[in-house]
Amino acid sequence: MKKIEAIIRPFKLDEVKIALVNAGIVGMTVSEVRGFGRQRGQTERYRGSEYTVEFLQKLKVEIVVEDNQVDLVVEKILSAARTGEIGDGKIFISTVEAAVRIRTGEENQEAI
């Protein structure tokens, strides 16, 4: 099993969700996060004063899938979340050693 974490722009969530659901991927966790990458924040104006927002609002979408679904999920996230501008986000893939569904006690593939 693999865990896919995608850091995306907040307004792209619906497109990403629809693309994944249409591909047959069920279950995801979404968290509001703040951070910066190469763009190192952005400068904004408020009431005539300029200030720097160092940590930008992003969303983290977490999905656990079987190994053979990783390429499909990454492809769907890339196509749905990409704007072509700096700050589109990142995708991280890591190995999941075990999963347990709390309600039933099912483990691993059955739990996801």
PDB file of N, CA and C in Angstrom:
ATOM      1  N   MET A   1       0.847  -1.178   0.000  1.00  0.00           N
ATOM      2  CA  MET A   1       0.000   0.000   0.000  1.00  0.00           C
ATOM      3  C   MET A   1       0.886   1.233   0.000  1.00  0.00           C
ATOM      4  N   LYS A   2       0.366   2.291  -0.592  1.00  0.00           N
ATOM      5  CA  LYS A   2       1.081   3.560  -0.637  1.00  0.00           C
ATOM      6  C   LYS A   2       0.176   4.679  -0.147  1.00  0.00           C
ATOM      7  N   LYS A   3       0.799   5.659   0.499  1.00  0.00           N
ATOM      8  CA  LYS A   3       0.097   6.866   0.921  1.00  0.00           C
ATOM      9  C   LYS A   3       0.540   7.990  -0.001  1.00  0.00           C
ATOM     10  N   ILE A   4      -0.419   8.641  -0.608  1.00  0.00           N
ATOM     11  CA  ILE A   4      -0.144   9.758  -1.500  1.00  0.00           C
ATOM     12  C   ILE A   4      -0.612  11.022  -0.801  1.00  0.00           C
ATOM     13  N   GLU A   5       0.309  11.948  -0.617  1.00  0.00           N
ATOM     14  CA  GLU A   5      -0.011  13.241  -0.027  1.00  0.00           C
ATOM     15  C   GLU A   5       0.190  14.297  -1.104  1.00  0.00           C
ATOM     16  N   ALA A   6      -0.850  15.050  -1.379  1.00  0.00           N
ATOM     17  CA  ALA A   6      -0.771  16.104  -2.384  1.00  0.00           C
ATOM     18  C   ALA A   6      -1.050  17.441  -1.718  1.00  0.00           C
ATOM     19  N   ILE A   7      -0.135  18.376  -1.880  1.00  0.00           N
ATOM     20  CA  ILE A   7      -0.323  19.739  -1.403  1.00  0.00           C
ATOM     21  C   ILE A   7      -0.805  20.539  -2.605  1.00  0.00           C
ATOM     22  N   ILE A   8      -2.032  21.060  -2.523  1.00  0.00           N
ATOM     23  CA  ILE A   8      -2.635  21.718  -3.685  1.00  0.00           C
ATOM     24  C   ILE A   8      -3.197  23.090  -3.305  1.00  0.00           C
ATOM     25  N   ARG A   9      -3.553  23.854  -4.329  1.00  0.00           N
ATOM     26  CA  ARG A   9      -4.231  25.129  -4.122  1.00  0.00           C
ATOM     27  C   ARG A   9      -5.666  24.841  -3.658  1.00  0.00           C
ATOM     28  N   PRO A  10      -6.174  25.623  -2.702  1.00  0.00           N
ATOM     29  CA  PRO A  10      -7.524  25.352  -2.180  1.00  0.00           C
ATOM     30  C   PRO A  10      -8.626  25.331  -3.230  1.00  0.00           C
ATOM     31  N   PHE A  11      -8.571  26.210  -4.225  1.00  0.00           N
ATOM     32  CA  PHE A  11      -9.646  26.265  -5.210  1.00  0.00           C
ATOM     33  C   PHE A  11      -9.618  25.095  -6.187  1.00  0.00           C
ATOM     34  N   LYS A  12      -8.604  24.244  -6.117  1.00  0.00           N
ATOM     35  CA  LYS A  12      -8.509  23.081  -6.995  1.00  0.00           C
ATOM     36  C   LYS A  12      -9.083  21.808  -6.359  1.00  0.00           C
ATOM     37  N   LEU A  13      -9.543  21.892  -5.118  1.00  0.00           N
ATOM     38  CA  LEU A  13     -10.010  20.694  -4.410  1.00  0.00           C
ATOM     39  C   LEU A  13     -11.152  20.000  -5.134  1.00  0.00           C
ATOM     40  N   ASP A  14     -12.155  20.736  -5.549  1.00  0.00           N
ATOM     41  CA  ASP A  14     -13.299  20.097  -6.207  1.00  0.00           C
ATOM     42  C   ASP A  14     -12.882  19.364  -7.472  1.00  0.00           C
ATOM     43  N   GLU A  15     -12.007  19.961  -8.268  1.00  0.00           N
ATOM     44  CA  GLU A  15     -11.547  19.310  -9.492  1.00  0.00           C
ATOM     45  C   GLU A  15     -10.779  18.036  -9.179  1.00  0.00           C
ATOM     46  N   VAL A  16      -9.927  18.085  -8.159  1.00  0.00           N
ATOM     47  CA  VAL A  16      -9.156  16.903  -7.772  1.00  0.00           C
ATOM     48  C   VAL A  16     -10.090  15.814  -7.266  1.00  0.00           C
ATOM     49  N   LYS A  17     -11.042  16.178  -6.414  1.00  0.00           N
ATOM     50  CA  LYS A  17     -11.984  15.199  -5.868  1.00  0.00           C
ATOM     51  C   LYS A  17     -12.788  14.538  -6.982  1.00  0.00           C
ATOM     52  N   ILE A  18     -13.309  15.315  -7.900  1.00  0.00           N
ATOM     53  CA  ILE A  18     -14.103  14.770  -9.006  1.00  0.00           C
ATOM     54  C   ILE A  18     -13.260  13.834  -9.860  1.00  0.00           C
ATOM     55  N   ALA A  19     -12.032  14.236 -10.172  1.00  0.00           N
ATOM     56  CA  ALA A  19     -11.151  13.389 -10.993  1.00  0.00           C
ATOM     57  C   ALA A  19     -10.870  12.060 -10.312  1.00  0.00           C
ATOM     58  N   LEU A  20     -10.637  12.084  -9.002  1.00  0.00           N
ATOM     59  CA  LEU A  20     -10.349  10.837  -8.284  1.00  0.00           C
ATOM     60  C   LEU A  20     -11.583   9.952  -8.164  1.00  0.00           C
ATOM     61  N   VAL A  21     -12.726  10.544  -7.855  1.00  0.00           N
ATOM     62  CA  VAL A  21     -13.961   9.761  -7.742  1.00  0.00           C
ATOM     63  C   VAL A  21     -14.317   9.135  -9.087  1.00  0.00           C
ATOM     64  N   ASN A  22     -14.169   9.895 -10.173  1.00  0.00           N
ATOM     65  CA  ASN A  22     -14.451   9.367 -11.506  1.00  0.00           C
ATOM     66  C   ASN A  22     -13.499   8.239 -11.890  1.00  0.00           C
ATOM     67  N   ALA A  23     -12.319   8.211 -11.289  1.00  0.00           N
ATOM     68  CA  ALA A  23     -11.347   7.143 -11.544  1.00  0.00           C
ATOM     69  C   ALA A  23     -11.560   5.950 -10.619  1.00  0.00           C
ATOM     70  N   GLY A  24     -12.565   6.023  -9.743  1.00  0.00           N
ATOM     71  CA  GLY A  24     -12.875   4.908  -8.864  1.00  0.00           C
ATOM     72  C   GLY A  24     -12.132   4.922  -7.542  1.00  0.00           C
ATOM     73  N   ILE A  25     -11.503   6.032  -7.218  1.00  0.00           N
ATOM     74  CA  ILE A  25     -10.778   6.139  -5.955  1.00  0.00           C
ATOM     75  C   ILE A  25     -11.756   6.644  -4.897  1.00  0.00           C
ATOM     76  N   VAL A  26     -11.894   5.886  -3.819  1.00  0.00           N
ATOM     77  CA  VAL A  26     -12.809   6.293  -2.751  1.00  0.00           C
ATOM     78  C   VAL A  26     -12.007   6.511  -1.477  1.00  0.00           C
ATOM     79  N   GLY A  27     -12.365   7.531  -0.757  1.00  0.00           N
ATOM     80  CA  GLY A  27     -11.734   7.814   0.520  1.00  0.00           C
ATOM     81  C   GLY A  27     -10.538   8.728   0.393  1.00  0.00           C
ATOM     82  N   MET A  28     -10.609   9.843   1.076  1.00  0.00           N
ATOM     83  CA  MET A  28      -9.486  10.766   1.135  1.00  0.00           C
ATOM     84  C   MET A  28      -9.643  11.620   2.378  1.00  0.00           C
ATOM     85  N   THR A  29      -8.554  12.149   2.848  1.00  0.00           N
ATOM     86  CA  THR A  29      -8.553  13.065   3.976  1.00  0.00           C
ATOM     87  C   THR A  29      -8.018  14.393   3.478  1.00  0.00           C
ATOM     88  N   VAL A  30      -8.690  15.484   3.851  1.00  0.00           N
ATOM     89  CA  VAL A  30      -8.273  16.815   3.422  1.00  0.00           C
ATOM     90  C   VAL A  30      -8.022  17.664   4.664  1.00  0.00           C
ATOM     91  N   SER A  31      -6.875  18.319   4.692  1.00  0.00           N
ATOM     92  CA  SER A  31      -6.506  19.199   5.808  1.00  0.00           C
ATOM     93  C   SER A  31      -6.109  20.558   5.267  1.00  0.00           C
ATOM     94  N   GLU A  32      -6.460  21.603   6.012  1.00  0.00           N
ATOM     95  CA  GLU A  32      -5.979  22.934   5.672  1.00  0.00           C
ATOM     96  C   GLU A  32      -4.583  23.070   6.252  1.00  0.00           C
ATOM     97  N   VAL A  33      -3.638  23.468   5.408  1.00  0.00           N
ATOM     98  CA  VAL A  33      -2.252  23.634   5.840  1.00  0.00           C
ATOM     99  C   VAL A  33      -1.739  24.981   5.344  1.00  0.00           C
ATOM    100  N   ARG A  34      -0.621  25.407   5.888  1.00  0.00           N
ATOM    101  CA  ARG A  34       0.014  26.648   5.459  1.00  0.00           C
ATOM    102  C   ARG A  34       1.492  26.361   5.232  1.00  0.00           C
ATOM    103  N   GLY A  35       2.061  26.989   4.220  1.00  0.00           N
ATOM    104  CA  GLY A  35       3.472  26.778   3.965  1.00  0.00           C
ATOM    105  C   GLY A  35       3.953  27.611   2.797  1.00  0.00           C
ATOM    106  N   PHE A  36       5.208  27.381   2.424  1.00  0.00           N
ATOM    107  CA  PHE A  36       5.750  28.042   1.248  1.00  0.00           C
ATOM    108  C   PHE A  36       6.793  27.157   0.614  1.00  0.00           C
ATOM    109  N   GLY A  37       7.016  27.393  -0.640  1.00  0.00           N
ATOM    110  CA  GLY A  37       8.020  26.664  -1.398  1.00  0.00           C
ATOM    111  C   GLY A  37       8.957  27.665  -2.040  1.00  0.00           C
ATOM    112  N   ARG A  38       9.202  27.486  -3.312  1.00  0.00           N
ATOM    113  CA  ARG A  38      10.118  28.372  -4.021  1.00  0.00           C
ATOM    114  C   ARG A  38       9.636  29.816  -4.075  1.00  0.00           C
ATOM    115  N   GLN A  39       8.323  30.018  -4.052  1.00  0.00           N
ATOM    116  CA  GLN A  39       7.809  31.386  -4.151  1.00  0.00           C
ATOM    117  C   GLN A  39       8.048  32.181  -2.880  1.00  0.00           C
ATOM    118  N   ARG A  40       8.370  31.518  -1.781  1.00  0.00           N
ATOM    119  CA  ARG A  40       8.683  32.138  -0.489  1.00  0.00           C
ATOM    120  C   ARG A  40       7.652  33.184  -0.074  1.00  0.00           C
ATOM    121  N   GLY A  41       6.406  32.847  -0.179  1.00  0.00           N
ATOM    122  CA  GLY A  41       5.342  33.765   0.222  1.00  0.00           C
ATOM    123  C   GLY A  41       5.006  34.751  -0.882  1.00  0.00           C
ATOM    124  N   GLN A  42       4.216  35.743  -0.544  1.00  0.00           N
ATOM    125  CA  GLN A  42       3.835  36.752  -1.526  1.00  0.00           C
ATOM    126  C   GLN A  42       3.611  38.082  -0.826  1.00  0.00           C
ATOM    127  N   THR A  43       3.751  39.158  -1.589  1.00  0.00           N
ATOM    128  CA  THR A  43       3.561  40.498  -1.046  1.00  0.00           C
ATOM    129  C   THR A  43       2.143  40.952  -1.344  1.00  0.00           C
ATOM    130  N   GLU A  44       1.466  41.487  -0.344  1.00  0.00           N
ATOM    131  CA  GLU A  44       0.097  41.976  -0.508  1.00  0.00           C
ATOM    132  C   GLU A  44      -0.008  43.379   0.046  1.00  0.00           C
ATOM    133  N   ARG A  45      -1.074  44.083  -0.365  1.00  0.00           N
ATOM    134  CA  ARG A  45      -1.331  45.428   0.125  1.00  0.00           C
ATOM    135  C   ARG A  45      -2.619  45.423   0.931  1.00  0.00           C
ATOM    136  N   TYR A  46      -2.611  46.137   2.055  1.00  0.00           N
ATOM    137  CA  TYR A  46      -3.802  46.288   2.877  1.00  0.00           C
ATOM    138  C   TYR A  46      -3.813  47.704   3.421  1.00  0.00           C
ATOM    139  N   ARG A  47      -4.832  48.451   3.064  1.00  0.00           N
ATOM    140  CA  ARG A  47      -4.977  49.847   3.497  1.00  0.00           C
ATOM    141  C   ARG A  47      -3.720  50.668   3.247  1.00  0.00           C
ATOM    142  N   GLY A  48      -3.174  50.491   2.071  1.00  0.00           N
ATOM    143  CA  GLY A  48      -2.015  51.280   1.670  1.00  0.00           C
ATOM    144  C   GLY A  48      -0.684  50.769   2.168  1.00  0.00           C
ATOM    145  N   SER A  49      -0.677  49.787   3.043  1.00  0.00           N
ATOM    146  CA  SER A  49       0.579  49.236   3.555  1.00  0.00           C
ATOM    147  C   SER A  49       0.890  47.929   2.847  1.00  0.00           C
ATOM    148  N   GLU A  50       2.147  47.726   2.582  1.00  0.00           N
ATOM    149  CA  GLU A  50       2.579  46.495   1.935  1.00  0.00           C
ATOM    150  C   GLU A  50       3.131  45.542   2.997  1.00  0.00           C
ATOM    151  N   TYR A  51       2.758  44.291   2.922  1.00  0.00           N
ATOM    152  CA  TYR A  51       3.289  43.313   3.861  1.00  0.00           C
ATOM    153  C   TYR A  51       3.458  41.976   3.152  1.00  0.00           C
ATOM    154  N   THR A  52       4.282  41.132   3.729  1.00  0.00           N
ATOM    155  CA  THR A  52       4.578  39.833   3.120  1.00  0.00           C
ATOM    156  C   THR A  52       3.843  38.729   3.864  1.00  0.00           C
ATOM    157  N   VAL A  53       3.135  37.924   3.106  1.00  0.00           N
ATOM    158  CA  VAL A  53       2.503  36.728   3.654  1.00  0.00           C
ATOM    159  C   VAL A  53       3.484  35.587   3.396  1.00  0.00           C
ATOM    160  N   GLU A  54       4.124  35.108   4.456  1.00  0.00           N
ATOM    161  CA  GLU A  54       5.162  34.101   4.283  1.00  0.00           C
ATOM    162  C   GLU A  54       4.609  32.692   4.131  1.00  0.00           C
ATOM    163  N   PHE A  55       3.527  32.405   4.832  1.00  0.00           N
ATOM    164  CA  PHE A  55       2.948  31.068   4.759  1.00  0.00           C
ATOM    165  C   PHE A  55       1.623  31.160   4.014  1.00  0.00           C
ATOM    166  N   LEU A  56       1.552  30.510   2.866  1.00  0.00           N
ATOM    167  CA  LEU A  56       0.370  30.572   2.018  1.00  0.00           C
ATOM    168  C   LEU A  56      -0.598  29.446   2.364  1.00  0.00           C
ATOM    169  N   GLN A  57      -1.889  29.714   2.204  1.00  0.00           N
ATOM    170  CA  GLN A  57      -2.921  28.702   2.448  1.00  0.00           C
ATOM    171  C   GLN A  57      -2.854  27.622   1.373  1.00  0.00           C
ATOM    172  N   LYS A  58      -2.823  26.384   1.771  1.00  0.00           N
ATOM    173  CA  LYS A  58      -2.852  25.233   0.865  1.00  0.00           C
ATOM    174  C   LYS A  58      -3.752  24.178   1.487  1.00  0.00           C
ATOM    175  N   LEU A  59      -4.039  23.146   0.721  1.00  0.00           N
ATOM    176  CA  LEU A  59      -4.758  21.981   1.222  1.00  0.00           C
ATOM    177  C   LEU A  59      -3.868  20.764   1.051  1.00  0.00           C
ATOM    178  N   LYS A  60      -3.924  19.860   2.026  1.00  0.00           N
ATOM    179  CA  LYS A  60      -3.220  18.581   1.903  1.00  0.00           C
ATOM    180  C   LYS A  60      -4.269  17.493   1.743  1.00  0.00           C
ATOM    181  N   VAL A  61      -4.182  16.780   0.633  1.00  0.00           N
ATOM    182  CA  VAL A  61      -5.083  15.668   0.342  1.00  0.00           C
ATOM    183  C   VAL A  61      -4.280  14.390   0.548  1.00  0.00           C
ATOM    184  N   GLU A  62      -4.788  13.508   1.417  1.00  0.00           N
ATOM    185  CA  GLU A  62      -4.111  12.251   1.705  1.00  0.00           C
ATOM    186  C   GLU A  62      -4.980  11.090   1.249  1.00  0.00           C
ATOM    187  N   ILE A  63      -4.353  10.163   0.531  1.00  0.00           N
ATOM    188  CA  ILE A  63      -5.070   9.016  -0.026  1.00  0.00           C
ATOM    189  C   ILE A  63      -4.185   7.789   0.162  1.00  0.00           C
ATOM    190  N   VAL A  64      -4.766   6.692   0.629  1.00  0.00           N
ATOM    191  CA  VAL A  64      -4.039   5.428   0.720  1.00  0.00           C
ATOM    192  C   VAL A  64      -4.640   4.485  -0.314  1.00  0.00           C
ATOM    193  N   VAL A  65      -3.767   3.946  -1.173  1.00  0.00           N
ATOM    194  CA  VAL A  65      -4.225   3.082  -2.269  1.00  0.00           C
ATOM    195  C   VAL A  65      -3.318   1.860  -2.371  1.00  0.00           C
ATOM    196  N   GLU A  66      -3.778   0.899  -3.144  1.00  0.00           N
ATOM    197  CA  GLU A  66      -2.956  -0.259  -3.455  1.00  0.00           C
ATOM    198  C   GLU A  66      -1.823   0.188  -4.381  1.00  0.00           C
ATOM    199  N   ASP A  67      -0.730  -0.541  -4.363  1.00  0.00           N
ATOM    200  CA  ASP A  67       0.447  -0.166  -5.144  1.00  0.00           C
ATOM    201  C   ASP A  67       0.136   0.052  -6.622  1.00  0.00           C
ATOM    202  N   ASN A  68      -0.747  -0.774  -7.182  1.00  0.00           N
ATOM    203  CA  ASN A  68      -1.026  -0.674  -8.612  1.00  0.00           C
ATOM    204  C   ASN A  68      -1.889   0.529  -8.992  1.00  0.00           C
ATOM    205  N   GLN A  69      -2.377   1.284  -8.022  1.00  0.00           N
ATOM    206  CA  GLN A  69      -3.206   2.462  -8.304  1.00  0.00           C
ATOM    207  C   GLN A  69      -2.433   3.774  -8.202  1.00  0.00           C
ATOM    208  N   VAL A  70      -1.185   3.718  -7.798  1.00  0.00           N
ATOM    209  CA  VAL A  70      -0.409   4.933  -7.546  1.00  0.00           C
ATOM    210  C   VAL A  70      -0.293   5.797  -8.803  1.00  0.00           C
ATOM    211  N   ASP A  71       0.102   5.204  -9.921  1.00  0.00           N
ATOM    212  CA  ASP A  71       0.285   5.990 -11.143  1.00  0.00           C
ATOM    213  C   ASP A  71      -1.009   6.664 -11.575  1.00  0.00           C
ATOM    214  N   LEU A  72      -2.125   5.963 -11.469  1.00  0.00           N
ATOM    215  CA  LEU A  72      -3.425   6.526 -11.829  1.00  0.00           C
ATOM    216  C   LEU A  72      -3.759   7.732 -10.951  1.00  0.00           C
ATOM    217  N   VAL A  73      -3.581   7.584  -9.649  1.00  0.00           N
ATOM    218  CA  VAL A  73      -3.900   8.667  -8.714  1.00  0.00           C
ATOM    219  C   VAL A  73      -3.015   9.875  -8.976  1.00  0.00           C
ATOM    220  N   VAL A  74      -1.724   9.655  -9.150  1.00  0.00           N
ATOM    221  CA  VAL A  74      -0.802  10.766  -9.409  1.00  0.00           C
ATOM    222  C   VAL A  74      -1.186  11.478 -10.705  1.00  0.00           C
ATOM    223  N   GLU A  75      -1.497  10.723 -11.734  1.00  0.00           N
ATOM    224  CA  GLU A  75      -1.900  11.317 -13.020  1.00  0.00           C
ATOM    225  C   GLU A  75      -3.160  12.172 -12.865  1.00  0.00           C
ATOM    226  N   LYS A  76      -4.147  11.673 -12.133  1.00  0.00           N
ATOM    227  CA  LYS A  76      -5.410  12.414 -11.942  1.00  0.00           C
ATOM    228  C   LYS A  76      -5.182  13.690 -11.140  1.00  0.00           C
ATOM    229  N   ILE A  77      -4.355  13.615 -10.101  1.00  0.00           N
ATOM    230  CA  ILE A  77      -4.070  14.807  -9.303  1.00  0.00           C
ATOM    231  C   ILE A  77      -3.311  15.833 -10.137  1.00  0.00           C
ATOM    232  N   LEU A  78      -2.305  15.382 -10.878  1.00  0.00           N
ATOM    233  CA  LEU A  78      -1.539  16.300 -11.724  1.00  0.00           C
ATOM    234  C   LEU A  78      -2.427  17.040 -12.705  1.00  0.00           C
ATOM    235  N   SER A  79      -3.279  16.303 -13.400  1.00  0.00           N
ATOM    236  CA  SER A  79      -4.106  16.945 -14.431  1.00  0.00           C
ATOM    237  C   SER A  79      -5.161  17.866 -13.827  1.00  0.00           C
ATOM    238  N   ALA A  80      -5.672  17.539 -12.634  1.00  0.00           N
ATOM    239  CA  ALA A  80      -6.734  18.349 -12.036  1.00  0.00           C
ATOM    240  C   ALA A  80      -6.188  19.553 -11.267  1.00  0.00           C
ATOM    241  N   ALA A  81      -4.996  19.445 -10.687  1.00  0.00           N
ATOM    242  CA  ALA A  81      -4.488  20.500  -9.808  1.00  0.00           C
ATOM    243  C   ALA A  81      -3.555  21.489 -10.506  1.00  0.00           C
ATOM    244  N   ARG A  82      -3.099  21.156 -11.690  1.00  0.00           N
ATOM    245  CA  ARG A  82      -2.101  21.993 -12.366  1.00  0.00           C
ATOM    246  C   ARG A  82      -2.709  23.269 -12.939  1.00  0.00           C
ATOM    247  N   THR A  83      -2.070  24.411 -12.637  1.00  0.00           N
ATOM    248  CA  THR A  83      -2.425  25.683 -13.287  1.00  0.00           C
ATOM    249  C   THR A  83      -1.286  26.151 -14.178  1.00  0.00           C
ATOM    250  N   GLY A  84      -0.085  25.609 -13.952  1.00  0.00           N
ATOM    251  CA  GLY A  84       1.080  26.028 -14.709  1.00  0.00           C
ATOM    252  C   GLY A  84       1.842  27.164 -14.052  1.00  0.00           C
ATOM    253  N   GLU A  85       1.378  27.606 -12.895  1.00  0.00           N
ATOM    254  CA  GLU A  85       2.018  28.716 -12.186  1.00  0.00           C
ATOM    255  C   GLU A  85       2.814  28.188 -10.992  1.00  0.00           C
ATOM    256  N   ILE A  86       3.772  28.989 -10.538  1.00  0.00           N
ATOM    257  CA  ILE A  86       4.511  28.644  -9.324  1.00  0.00           C
ATOM    258  C   ILE A  86       3.516  28.544  -8.174  1.00  0.00           C
ATOM    259  N   GLY A  87       3.671  27.521  -7.346  1.00  0.00           N
ATOM    260  CA  GLY A  87       2.784  27.344  -6.191  1.00  0.00           C
ATOM    261  C   GLY A  87       1.689  26.327  -6.408  1.00  0.00           C
ATOM    262  N   ASP A  88       1.755  25.570  -7.508  1.00  0.00           N
ATOM    263  CA  ASP A  88       0.745  24.536  -7.754  1.00  0.00           C
ATOM    264  C   ASP A  88       0.788  23.423  -6.722  1.00  0.00           C
ATOM    265  N   GLY A  89       1.944  23.191  -6.090  1.00  0.00           N
ATOM    266  CA  GLY A  89       2.022  22.198  -5.033  1.00  0.00           C
ATOM    267  C   GLY A  89       2.976  21.070  -5.329  1.00  0.00           C
ATOM    268  N   LYS A  90       2.858  20.032  -4.532  1.00  0.00           N
ATOM    269  CA  LYS A  90       3.731  18.863  -4.629  1.00  0.00           C
ATOM    270  C   LYS A  90       2.923  17.611  -4.325  1.00  0.00           C
ATOM    271  N   ILE A  91       3.469  16.470  -4.772  1.00  0.00           N
ATOM    272  CA  ILE A  91       2.891  15.164  -4.455  1.00  0.00           C
ATOM    273  C   ILE A  91       3.999  14.323  -3.829  1.00  0.00           C
ATOM    274  N   PHE A  92       3.693  13.725  -2.693  1.00  0.00           N
ATOM    275  CA  PHE A  92       4.640  12.852  -1.999  1.00  0.00           C
ATOM    276  C   PHE A  92       4.032  11.452  -1.909  1.00  0.00           C
ATOM    277  N   ILE A  93       4.860  10.441  -2.139  1.00  0.00           N
ATOM    278  CA  ILE A  93       4.400   9.052  -2.097  1.00  0.00           C
ATOM    279  C   ILE A  93       5.263   8.305  -1.095  1.00  0.00           C
ATOM    280  N   SER A  94       4.610   7.621  -0.151  1.00  0.00           N
ATOM    281  CA  SER A  94       5.348   6.846   0.837  1.00  0.00           C
ATOM    282  C   SER A  94       4.674   5.494   1.041  1.00  0.00           C
ATOM    283  N   THR A  95       5.424   4.580   1.597  1.00  0.00           N
ATOM    284  CA  THR A  95       4.927   3.222   1.840  1.00  0.00           C
ATOM    285  C   THR A  95       4.140   3.187   3.151  1.00  0.00           C
ATOM    286  N   VAL A  96       3.024   2.469   3.115  1.00  0.00           N
ATOM    287  CA  VAL A  96       2.217   2.243   4.317  1.00  0.00           C
ATOM    288  C   VAL A  96       2.420   0.790   4.725  1.00  0.00           C
ATOM    289  N   GLU A  97       2.884   0.586   5.936  1.00  0.00           N
ATOM    290  CA  GLU A  97       3.160  -0.772   6.402  1.00  0.00           C
ATOM    291  C   GLU A  97       1.906  -1.526   6.771  1.00  0.00           C
ATOM    292  N   ALA A  98       0.925  -0.838   7.348  1.00  0.00           N
ATOM    293  CA  ALA A  98      -0.294  -1.515   7.770  1.00  0.00           C
ATOM    294  C   ALA A  98      -1.420  -0.500   7.882  1.00  0.00           C
ATOM    295  N   ALA A  99      -2.640  -0.997   7.739  1.00  0.00           N
ATOM    296  CA  ALA A  99      -3.842  -0.180   7.939  1.00  0.00           C
ATOM    297  C   ALA A  99      -4.874  -1.035   8.657  1.00  0.00           C
ATOM    298  N   VAL A 100      -5.622  -0.424   9.572  1.00  0.00           N
ATOM    299  CA  VAL A 100      -6.653  -1.134  10.314  1.00  0.00           C
ATOM    300  C   VAL A 100      -7.898  -0.270  10.352  1.00  0.00           C
ATOM    301  N   ARG A 101      -9.034  -0.837   9.945  1.00  0.00           N
ATOM    302  CA  ARG A 101     -10.309  -0.126  10.056  1.00  0.00           C
ATOM    303  C   ARG A 101     -10.790  -0.280  11.493  1.00  0.00           C
ATOM    304  N   ILE A 102     -11.007   0.830  12.153  1.00  0.00           N
ATOM    305  CA  ILE A 102     -11.372   0.818  13.572  1.00  0.00           C
ATOM    306  C   ILE A 102     -12.700   0.111  13.806  1.00  0.00           C
ATOM    307  N   ARG A 103     -13.705   0.389  12.986  1.00  0.00           N
ATOM    308  CA  ARG A 103     -15.048  -0.153  13.207  1.00  0.00           C
ATOM    309  C   ARG A 103     -15.077  -1.670  13.165  1.00  0.00           C
ATOM    310  N   THR A 104     -14.383  -2.277  12.199  1.00  0.00           N
ATOM    311  CA  THR A 104     -14.498  -3.723  11.997  1.00  0.00           C
ATOM    312  C   THR A 104     -13.249  -4.520  12.352  1.00  0.00           C
ATOM    313  N   GLY A 105     -12.122  -3.823  12.468  1.00  0.00           N
ATOM    314  CA  GLY A 105     -10.873  -4.535  12.722  1.00  0.00           C
ATOM    315  C   GLY A 105     -10.224  -5.086  11.456  1.00  0.00           C
ATOM    316  N   GLU A 106     -10.839  -4.831  10.294  1.00  0.00           N
ATOM    317  CA  GLU A 106     -10.241  -5.294   9.033  1.00  0.00           C
ATOM    318  C   GLU A 106      -8.864  -4.675   8.877  1.00  0.00           C
ATOM    319  N   GLU A 107      -7.980  -5.426   8.219  1.00  0.00           N
ATOM    320  CA  GLU A 107      -6.609  -4.968   8.097  1.00  0.00           C
ATOM    321  C   GLU A 107      -6.187  -4.869   6.637  1.00  0.00           C
ATOM    322  N   ASN A 108      -5.216  -3.985   6.416  1.00  0.00           N
ATOM    323  CA  ASN A 108      -4.517  -3.784   5.153  1.00  0.00           C
ATOM    324  C   ASN A 108      -5.465  -3.519   3.985  1.00  0.00           C
ATOM    325  N   GLN A 109      -5.419  -4.335   2.921  1.00  0.00           N
ATOM    326  CA  GLN A 109      -6.225  -4.039   1.721  1.00  0.00           C
ATOM    327  C   GLN A 109      -7.709  -3.942   2.031  1.00  0.00           C
ATOM    328  N   GLU A 110      -8.211  -4.791   2.917  1.00  0.00           N
ATOM    329  CA  GLU A 110      -9.622  -4.775   3.266  1.00  0.00           C
ATOM    330  C   GLU A 110      -9.993  -3.482   4.016  1.00  0.00           C
ATOM    331  N   ALA A 111      -9.029  -2.888   4.698  1.00  0.00           N
ATOM    332  CA  ALA A 111      -9.285  -1.692   5.483  1.00  0.00           C
ATOM    333  C   ALA A 111      -9.372  -0.428   4.630  1.00  0.00           C
ATOM    334  N   ILE A 112      -8.770  -0.479   3.433  1.00  0.00           N
ATOM    335  CA  ILE A 112      -8.837   0.713   2.593  1.00  0.00           C
ATOM    336  C   ILE A 112      -9.907   0.543   1.551  1.00  0.00           C
TER     337      ILE A 112
END
